């Protein structure tokens, strides 16, 4: 028995991809090494916001199943690896999960199969690290099996751009590999964009997110300057954004979060340094954005002092602790270092977030509020970190004693804006 595709790794990338493939009519198996995740999925309980339980139920009814048995890889016409690549201690991607996945795939690889890596990584990974592992058992990429890289473009919680609407970049080890992988993805995605090769496809992902990191750093640095000059940065951006060409608006933030923007540019810097190059602009952008939580805490201290209060034992409410609006995703959220620094100053930190019921920083739970009005009344200071659509901004404006707004949503005599 064969299946159209086995998706390796059922996280933020893998499970939505499996859903898209199943929706396109493919036979799909999901492989993951976490028994709890696999059991929950097979029971119809999704851990990924973009694949709700009803969508998962439809997949299961259509024949999808998840497993921890790697023998499923031997049935696959195509294997798509969507495993995590966190930062290593050296600052580059930690490729242990990629290497482990490639090793498992190699043990079950057969002639005619397609193998695609979607995990974000530095250029050269597919050809220099994954390919030699897959070729251990005498099968050759581009001859006996097809090998490609296709960067994931998942945007968690974004209802505007469905996964299958986002153009899919594909770069193969050889032109025939690119053609094979493109043909596979054309069954799922509306638009497939062939890259010159695997390195170009790998680099394109890093370019996309480095572009965002650098531009966010620019506006964050201007935010600090505008505060010192008494200039409203939000009005500046709104005015500049009226230009119909040559400008794309980026907005200030308490810091960048998620797996992509704070992480991917560091893969690029790591690779550049390994060949003796310097990416000074990228490194400085990382430094600026990483410093925003400390700057925000400094601004909170200014506001507290101006109000005649002190940080020690001061109750502070964080509004939104996810890394982006309208999602439960907390990866690399700037709310974590902000909480850590506020605690160091003696503040008593709690949070309100309609998407998060339990949250902790450094293993220490942060008290969560369930009633926004009561939480605002019981805390001397509130800090708006995310502009979730579910927030009642008029209520926040009316009931917050002292508010630091990092989203440019609220104004008033008791409000300080980033």
Protein backbone atom coordinates (compact mmCIF):
# COMPACT_ATOMS: atom_id res chain seq x y z
CA UNK A 1 0.00 0.00 0.00
CA UNK A 2 1.30 3.46 -0.88
CA UNK A 3 0.25 6.94 0.13
CA UNK A 4 0.68 10.18 -1.76
CA UNK A 5 2.60 11.92 1.02
CA UNK A 6 3.96 11.44 4.50
CA UNK A 7 4.42 14.70 6.39
CA UNK A 8 7.23 14.46 8.95
CA UNK A 9 6.59 16.78 11.90
CA UNK A 10 3.04 17.78 12.82
CA UNK A 11 3.61 21.23 14.27
CA UNK A 12 2.86 24.75 13.07
CA UNK A 13 4.01 23.89 9.54
CA UNK A 14 3.40 20.18 9.16
CA UNK A 15 -0.19 19.86 10.31
CA UNK A 16 -1.52 22.73 8.13
CA UNK A 17 0.38 21.25 5.16
CA UNK A 18 -1.12 17.82 5.86
CA UNK A 19 -4.55 19.44 6.01
CA UNK A 20 -4.00 21.21 2.69
CA UNK A 21 -2.82 18.00 1.02
CA UNK A 22 -5.77 16.02 2.38
CA UNK A 23 -8.18 18.75 1.27
CA UNK A 24 -6.67 18.49 -2.22
CA UNK A 25 -7.65 14.83 -2.28
CA UNK A 26 -4.30 13.28 -1.49
CA UNK A 27 -3.82 10.28 0.76
CA UNK A 28 -1.81 11.59 3.71
CA UNK A 29 -0.04 10.15 6.73
CA UNK A 30 1.47 12.33 9.44
CA UNK A 31 4.60 11.16 11.25
CA UNK A 32 5.73 12.67 14.55
CA UNK A 33 8.00 11.45 17.32
CA UNK A 34 5.75 12.85 20.07
CA UNK A 35 3.25 10.15 21.15
CA UNK A 36 1.03 12.66 22.96
CA UNK A 37 0.69 14.82 19.83
CA UNK A 38 -0.07 11.79 17.67
CA UNK A 39 -2.66 10.43 20.12
CA UNK A 40 -4.39 13.79 20.37
CA UNK A 41 -4.53 14.23 16.59
CA UNK A 42 -5.95 10.75 16.04
CA UNK A 43 -8.57 11.52 18.69
CA UNK A 44 -9.58 14.65 16.78
CA UNK A 45 -7.93 17.21 19.07
CA UNK A 46 -5.78 19.73 17.22
CA UNK A 47 -2.95 21.63 18.92
CA UNK A 48 -2.60 24.03 15.98
CA UNK A 49 -4.90 27.06 15.79
CA UNK A 50 -4.94 27.08 11.98
CA UNK A 51 -6.29 23.52 11.87
CA UNK A 52 -9.36 23.53 14.13
CA UNK A 53 -10.88 20.33 15.42
CA UNK A 54 -13.62 20.23 12.78
CA UNK A 55 -11.01 20.45 10.01
CA UNK A 56 -9.03 17.69 11.68
CA UNK A 57 -12.17 15.55 11.93
CA UNK A 58 -12.71 15.96 8.19
CA UNK A 59 -9.13 14.86 7.54
CA UNK A 60 -9.53 11.78 9.72
CA UNK A 61 -12.80 10.90 8.02
CA UNK A 62 -11.03 11.12 4.67
CA UNK A 63 -8.40 8.59 5.80
CA UNK A 64 -5.67 10.75 7.36
CA UNK A 65 -3.88 9.30 10.34
CA UNK A 66 -0.92 10.21 12.49
CA UNK A 67 1.69 7.75 13.68
CA UNK A 68 4.97 7.41 15.55
CA UNK A 69 5.92 4.39 13.44
CA UNK A 70 8.63 5.42 10.98
CA UNK A 71 7.80 2.44 8.76
CA UNK A 72 5.09 4.64 7.26
CA UNK A 73 7.90 6.38 5.34
CA UNK A 74 8.37 3.30 3.16
CA UNK A 75 4.83 3.77 1.78
CA UNK A 76 5.33 7.37 0.68
CA UNK A 77 5.48 8.62 -2.89
CA UNK A 78 6.55 11.93 -1.35
CA UNK A 79 8.02 12.77 2.06
CA UNK A 80 7.89 16.36 3.30
CA UNK A 81 10.04 17.18 6.34
CA UNK A 82 8.62 20.01 8.48
CA UNK A 83 10.69 19.64 11.63
CA UNK A 84 11.83 22.46 13.95
CA UNK A 85 15.15 24.27 13.53
CA UNK A 86 15.71 26.33 16.70
CA UNK A 87 18.88 28.29 17.32
CA UNK A 88 21.96 26.37 18.38
CA UNK A 89 24.34 27.65 21.04
CA UNK A 90 26.63 28.83 18.19
CA UNK A 91 23.85 31.04 16.81
CA UNK A 92 23.04 28.97 13.73
CA UNK A 93 20.17 26.54 13.24
CA UNK A 94 20.05 23.48 15.45
CA UNK A 95 19.81 20.80 12.77
CA UNK A 96 19.43 17.78 15.02
CA UNK A 97 15.77 17.31 14.12
CA UNK A 98 16.55 17.70 10.41
CA UNK A 99 19.38 15.17 10.61
CA UNK A 100 17.20 12.74 12.56
CA UNK A 101 14.39 13.07 10.02
CA UNK A 102 16.79 12.57 7.11
CA UNK A 103 18.25 9.50 8.80
CA UNK A 104 14.80 7.95 9.25
CA UNK A 105 13.78 8.79 5.70
CA UNK A 106 16.99 7.25 4.33
CA UNK A 107 16.21 3.92 5.98
CA UNK A 108 12.92 3.68 4.08
CA UNK A 109 13.73 5.57 0.88
CA UNK A 110 12.85 3.86 -2.38
CA UNK A 111 13.44 4.60 -6.03
CA UNK A 112 11.14 7.18 -7.53
CA UNK A 113 10.33 8.89 -4.24
CA UNK A 114 10.29 12.65 -3.70
CA UNK A 115 11.88 14.15 -0.57
CA UNK A 116 11.36 17.82 0.29
CA UNK A 117 12.73 19.78 3.23
CA UNK A 118 10.54 22.69 4.37
CA UNK A 119 12.32 23.51 7.64
CA UNK A 120 13.90 26.98 7.61
CA UNK A 121 17.68 26.75 7.61
CA UNK A 122 20.85 28.23 6.17
CA UNK A 123 21.67 27.90 2.45
CA UNK A 124 23.37 24.62 1.62
CA UNK A 125 21.58 22.48 4.18
CA UNK A 126 19.57 20.44 1.68
CA UNK A 127 22.50 19.63 -0.56
CA UNK A 128 25.35 19.49 1.94
CA UNK A 129 23.69 17.86 4.97
CA UNK A 130 20.42 16.20 3.99
CA UNK A 131 21.48 14.76 0.62
CA UNK A 132 24.52 12.77 1.89
CA UNK A 133 22.35 11.17 4.57
CA UNK A 134 19.68 10.20 2.05
CA UNK A 135 22.32 8.75 -0.29
CA UNK A 136 23.81 6.43 2.35
CA UNK A 137 22.07 3.39 0.90
CA UNK A 138 23.30 3.82 -2.69
CA UNK A 139 20.34 5.80 -4.05
CA UNK A 140 21.35 9.06 -5.77
CA UNK A 141 19.47 12.34 -5.64
CA UNK A 142 18.37 13.47 -9.09
CA UNK A 143 18.80 9.95 -10.46
CA UNK A 144 17.03 7.47 -8.17
CA UNK A 145 14.93 9.91 -6.16
CA UNK A 146 14.01 13.59 -6.30
CA UNK A 147 15.25 16.03 -3.67
CA UNK A 148 14.10 19.62 -3.16
CA UNK A 149 13.74 22.46 -0.69
CA UNK A 150 10.54 24.48 -0.38
CA UNK A 151 10.39 27.21 2.28
CA UNK A 152 7.30 27.26 4.44
CA UNK A 153 5.34 30.50 4.41
CA UNK A 154 2.94 29.81 7.25
CA UNK A 155 1.47 32.95 8.82
CA UNK A 156 -0.34 31.70 11.95
CA UNK A 157 -3.74 33.24 12.60
CA UNK A 158 -3.87 35.14 9.30
CA UNK A 159 -7.37 34.76 7.80
CA UNK A 160 -6.55 36.83 4.71
CA UNK A 161 -3.96 34.56 3.12
CA UNK A 162 -4.80 30.87 3.15
CA UNK A 163 -1.86 28.50 3.00
CA UNK A 164 -2.77 27.34 -0.50
CA UNK A 165 -3.12 30.94 -1.76
CA UNK A 166 0.48 31.81 -0.90
CA UNK A 167 2.85 31.14 -3.85
CA UNK A 168 5.01 28.09 -3.18
CA UNK A 169 8.74 28.45 -3.92
CA UNK A 170 10.44 25.19 -4.90
CA UNK A 171 14.11 24.56 -5.63
CA UNK A 172 15.43 21.12 -6.55
CA UNK A 173 18.83 19.46 -6.42
CA UNK A 174 18.58 19.19 -10.22
CA UNK A 175 16.15 20.68 -12.75
CA UNK A 176 14.33 17.36 -12.88
CA UNK A 177 14.00 17.44 -9.08
CA UNK A 178 12.52 20.93 -9.31
CA UNK A 179 10.04 19.74 -11.92
CA UNK A 180 9.03 16.74 -9.82
CA UNK A 181 8.55 18.79 -6.65
CA UNK A 182 6.70 21.52 -8.56
CA UNK A 183 4.33 18.94 -10.00
CA UNK A 184 3.61 17.65 -6.49
CA UNK A 185 2.94 21.09 -5.00
CA UNK A 186 0.76 22.13 -7.95
CA UNK A 187 -1.79 19.64 -6.66
CA UNK A 188 -2.04 21.68 -3.42
CA UNK A 189 -1.07 25.31 -4.12
CA UNK A 190 -2.54 27.73 -6.62
CA UNK A 191 0.86 29.07 -7.67
CA UNK A 192 4.24 27.31 -7.68
CA UNK A 193 7.42 29.35 -8.23
CA UNK A 194 10.47 27.36 -9.40
CA UNK A 195 13.80 28.51 -7.96
CA UNK A 196 17.15 27.97 -9.65
CA UNK A 197 18.14 25.40 -7.03
CA UNK A 198 17.94 24.42 -3.37
CA UNK A 199 20.28 27.18 -2.18
CA UNK A 200 18.26 29.89 -3.91
CA UNK A 201 15.07 28.54 -2.34
CA UNK A 202 16.71 28.36 1.09
CA UNK A 203 18.07 31.90 0.77
CA UNK A 204 14.72 33.30 -0.37
CA UNK A 205 13.15 32.42 2.97
CA UNK A 206 15.94 34.15 4.88
CA UNK A 207 15.69 37.22 2.65
CA UNK A 208 11.95 37.54 3.30
CA UNK A 209 12.32 37.59 7.07
CA UNK A 210 15.59 39.53 7.17
CA UNK A 211 13.84 42.26 5.16
CA UNK A 212 11.22 42.46 7.88
CA UNK A 213 13.75 42.37 10.71
CA UNK A 214 15.76 45.25 9.24
CA UNK A 215 12.74 47.44 8.51
CA UNK A 216 11.19 46.82 11.92
CA UNK A 217 14.53 47.80 13.47
CA UNK A 218 14.55 51.01 11.45
CA UNK A 219 11.12 52.08 12.68
CA UNK A 220 11.91 50.99 16.25
CA UNK A 221 15.04 53.13 16.26
CA UNK A 222 13.07 56.07 14.85
CA UNK A 223 10.46 55.50 17.56
CA UNK A 224 13.06 56.14 20.26
CA UNK A 225 14.23 59.29 18.48
CA UNK A 226 10.70 60.57 17.94
CA UNK A 227 9.90 60.14 21.64
CA UNK A 228 12.92 62.26 22.57
CA UNK A 229 11.91 64.92 20.03
CA UNK A 230 8.25 64.96 21.02
CA UNK A 231 7.13 63.63 17.62
CA UNK A 232 4.21 61.23 17.17
CA UNK A 233 5.79 58.27 15.32
CA UNK A 234 2.37 56.81 14.53
CA UNK A 235 1.33 59.97 12.71
CA UNK A 236 4.66 60.04 10.90
CA UNK A 237 4.11 56.51 9.62
CA UNK A 238 0.49 57.23 8.64
CA UNK A 239 1.60 60.25 6.63
CA UNK A 240 4.47 58.42 4.93
CA UNK A 241 2.18 55.51 4.07
CA UNK A 242 0.07 57.77 1.84
CA UNK A 243 2.87 57.71 -0.74
CA UNK A 244 1.65 55.29 -3.42
CA UNK A 245 5.13 54.06 -4.38
CA UNK A 246 8.54 53.47 -2.85
CA UNK A 247 7.37 53.00 0.74
CA UNK A 248 5.94 50.15 2.78
CA UNK A 249 4.82 50.95 6.33
CA UNK A 250 6.36 49.08 9.25
CA UNK A 251 5.23 49.89 12.78
CA UNK A 252 6.89 50.08 16.20
CA UNK A 253 6.70 47.13 18.54
CA UNK A 254 7.74 45.98 21.96
CA UNK A 255 10.04 43.54 20.18
CA UNK A 256 9.76 40.91 17.47
CA UNK A 257 8.53 37.40 18.15
CA UNK A 258 7.63 34.16 16.47
CA UNK A 259 9.97 31.60 14.99
CA UNK A 260 10.79 33.57 11.85
CA UNK A 261 11.79 37.21 12.28
CA UNK A 262 13.95 37.00 15.43
CA UNK A 263 15.49 33.67 14.39
CA UNK A 264 15.91 33.37 10.60
CA UNK A 265 18.21 36.39 10.09
CA UNK A 266 20.58 34.86 12.61
CA UNK A 267 20.87 31.77 10.38
CA UNK A 268 21.95 34.12 7.61
CA UNK A 269 24.49 35.89 9.82
CA UNK A 270 25.83 32.53 10.98
CA UNK A 271 26.32 31.35 7.41
CA UNK A 272 27.91 34.65 6.40
CA UNK A 273 30.36 34.57 9.30
CA UNK A 274 31.26 30.96 8.46
CA UNK A 275 32.60 32.10 5.07
CA UNK A 276 34.27 35.25 6.38
CA UNK A 277 31.57 37.77 5.47
CA UNK A 278 29.91 40.34 7.70
CA UNK A 279 26.23 41.25 7.59
CA UNK A 280 26.52 44.38 9.69
CA UNK A 281 23.04 45.70 8.94
CA UNK A 282 21.45 42.37 9.88
CA UNK A 283 23.42 42.12 13.12
CA UNK A 284 22.58 45.69 14.12
CA UNK A 285 18.88 45.12 13.35
CA UNK A 286 18.87 42.11 15.66
CA UNK A 287 20.54 44.19 18.38
CA UNK A 288 17.98 47.00 18.05
CA UNK A 289 14.92 44.75 18.10
CA UNK A 290 16.29 42.65 20.95
CA UNK A 291 16.67 45.85 22.97
CA UNK A 292 13.05 46.95 22.60
CA UNK A 293 11.71 45.05 25.66
CA UNK A 294 14.27 46.87 27.84
CA UNK A 295 13.31 50.19 26.24
CA UNK A 296 9.65 49.47 26.89
CA UNK A 297 10.34 48.74 30.56
CA UNK A 298 12.29 52.02 30.72
CA UNK A 299 9.28 53.85 29.31
CA UNK A 300 7.05 52.12 31.86
CA UNK A 301 9.39 53.31 34.64
CA UNK A 302 9.13 56.87 33.31
CA UNK A 303 5.35 56.68 33.35
CA UNK A 304 5.28 55.22 36.86
CA UNK A 305 7.63 57.86 38.21
CA UNK A 306 5.62 60.66 36.59
CA UNK A 307 2.51 59.30 38.32
CA UNK A 308 4.23 59.43 41.73
CA UNK A 309 4.43 55.64 42.03
CA UNK A 310 7.29 53.17 42.42
CA UNK A 311 7.87 49.87 40.70
CA UNK A 312 8.32 47.83 43.87
CA UNK A 313 5.18 45.79 44.53
CA UNK A 314 3.36 47.73 41.80
CA UNK A 315 0.62 45.65 40.13
CA UNK A 316 1.12 45.74 36.34
CA UNK A 317 -1.22 44.13 33.82
CA UNK A 318 0.07 42.99 30.42
CA UNK A 319 -2.60 43.07 27.72
CA UNK A 320 -1.73 40.40 25.15
CA UNK A 321 1.20 38.05 25.68
CA UNK A 322 1.32 36.35 22.27
CA UNK A 323 3.91 37.36 19.71
CA UNK A 324 1.34 38.64 17.22
CA UNK A 325 -2.35 39.64 17.23
CA UNK A 326 -5.27 37.22 17.00
CA UNK A 327 -3.37 34.02 17.70
CA UNK A 328 -2.38 31.94 20.71
CA UNK A 329 1.20 31.56 19.46
CA UNK A 330 3.70 32.64 22.13
CA UNK A 331 6.98 31.67 20.45
CA UNK A 332 9.70 34.24 21.20
CA UNK A 333 7.09 36.67 22.50
CA UNK A 334 8.59 39.95 23.78
CA UNK A 335 6.14 39.69 26.69
CA UNK A 336 8.54 37.17 28.26
CA UNK A 337 11.63 39.43 28.61
CA UNK A 338 9.35 42.33 29.57
CA UNK A 339 7.86 40.26 32.38
CA UNK A 340 11.32 39.13 33.46
CA UNK A 341 12.62 42.70 33.69
CA UNK A 342 9.50 44.02 35.42
CA UNK A 343 9.85 41.28 38.03
CA UNK A 344 13.48 42.23 38.57
CA UNK A 345 12.29 45.75 39.39
CA UNK A 346 9.89 44.34 41.98
CA UNK A 347 6.63 44.73 40.04
CA UNK A 348 3.82 42.20 40.42
CA UNK A 349 2.96 41.15 36.88
CA UNK A 350 -0.30 39.62 35.67
CA UNK A 351 -1.80 39.28 32.20
CA UNK A 352 -5.02 39.27 30.27
CA UNK A 353 -5.16 37.58 26.87
CA UNK A 354 -8.29 36.10 25.30
CA UNK A 355 -6.14 33.51 23.49
CA UNK A 356 -4.02 32.36 26.46
CA UNK A 357 -5.35 30.81 29.65
CA UNK A 358 -2.08 29.77 31.31
CA UNK A 359 1.34 31.36 30.91
CA UNK A 360 4.69 31.24 32.66
CA UNK A 361 8.07 32.93 32.37
CA UNK A 362 11.28 31.21 33.51
CA UNK A 363 9.15 28.42 34.96
CA UNK A 364 7.26 30.83 37.22
CA UNK A 365 3.51 31.14 36.51
CA UNK A 366 2.14 34.57 35.65
CA UNK A 367 -1.30 35.20 37.10
CA UNK A 368 -3.94 35.35 34.40
CA UNK A 369 -7.09 37.47 34.56
CA UNK A 370 -10.39 36.33 33.09
CA UNK A 371 -12.32 39.58 33.47
CA UNK A 372 -10.77 42.55 31.66
CA UNK A 373 -12.69 45.23 33.55
CA UNK A 374 -11.78 43.85 36.97
CA UNK A 375 -8.17 43.36 35.92
CA UNK A 376 -7.87 46.99 34.80
CA UNK A 377 -9.36 48.20 38.08
CA UNK A 378 -7.05 46.07 40.21
CA UNK A 379 -3.79 47.08 38.48
CA UNK A 380 -2.19 50.51 38.71
CA UNK A 381 -0.54 50.17 35.29
CA UNK A 382 -1.56 48.38 32.11
CA UNK A 383 0.70 47.76 29.12
CA UNK A 384 -0.94 47.02 25.76
CA UNK A 385 1.41 44.64 23.96
CA UNK A 386 -0.89 43.18 21.27
CA UNK A 387 -3.88 44.68 19.51
CA UNK A 388 -6.07 41.58 19.48
CA UNK A 389 -9.34 42.25 17.69
CA UNK A 390 -11.09 40.73 20.71
CA UNK A 391 -9.90 43.59 22.96
CA UNK A 392 -12.42 46.25 23.92
CA UNK A 393 -10.20 49.29 23.40
CA UNK A 394 -12.86 51.73 24.58
CA UNK A 395 -13.08 49.80 27.85
CA UNK A 396 -9.30 49.81 28.22
CA UNK A 397 -9.16 53.55 27.53
CA UNK A 398 -11.90 54.26 30.06
CA UNK A 399 -10.77 52.01 32.92
CA UNK A 400 -6.96 51.76 32.80
CA UNK A 401 -5.43 53.92 35.56
CA UNK A 402 -2.17 54.38 33.64
CA UNK A 403 -1.66 52.82 30.23
CA UNK A 404 1.43 52.31 28.07
CA UNK A 405 0.23 51.59 24.55
CA UNK A 406 2.74 49.89 22.23
CA UNK A 407 0.20 49.48 19.41
CA UNK A 408 -0.84 53.06 18.74
CA UNK A 409 -4.51 52.30 19.40
CA UNK A 410 -5.43 54.45 22.41
CA UNK A 411 -4.97 58.10 23.33
CA UNK A 412 -5.81 60.10 26.44
CA UNK A 413 -4.34 62.02 29.39
CA UNK A 414 -3.42 58.82 31.24
CA UNK A 415 -1.96 57.11 28.16
CA UNK A 416 1.68 57.00 27.08
CA UNK A 417 2.31 55.75 23.54
CA UNK A 418 5.40 53.92 22.39
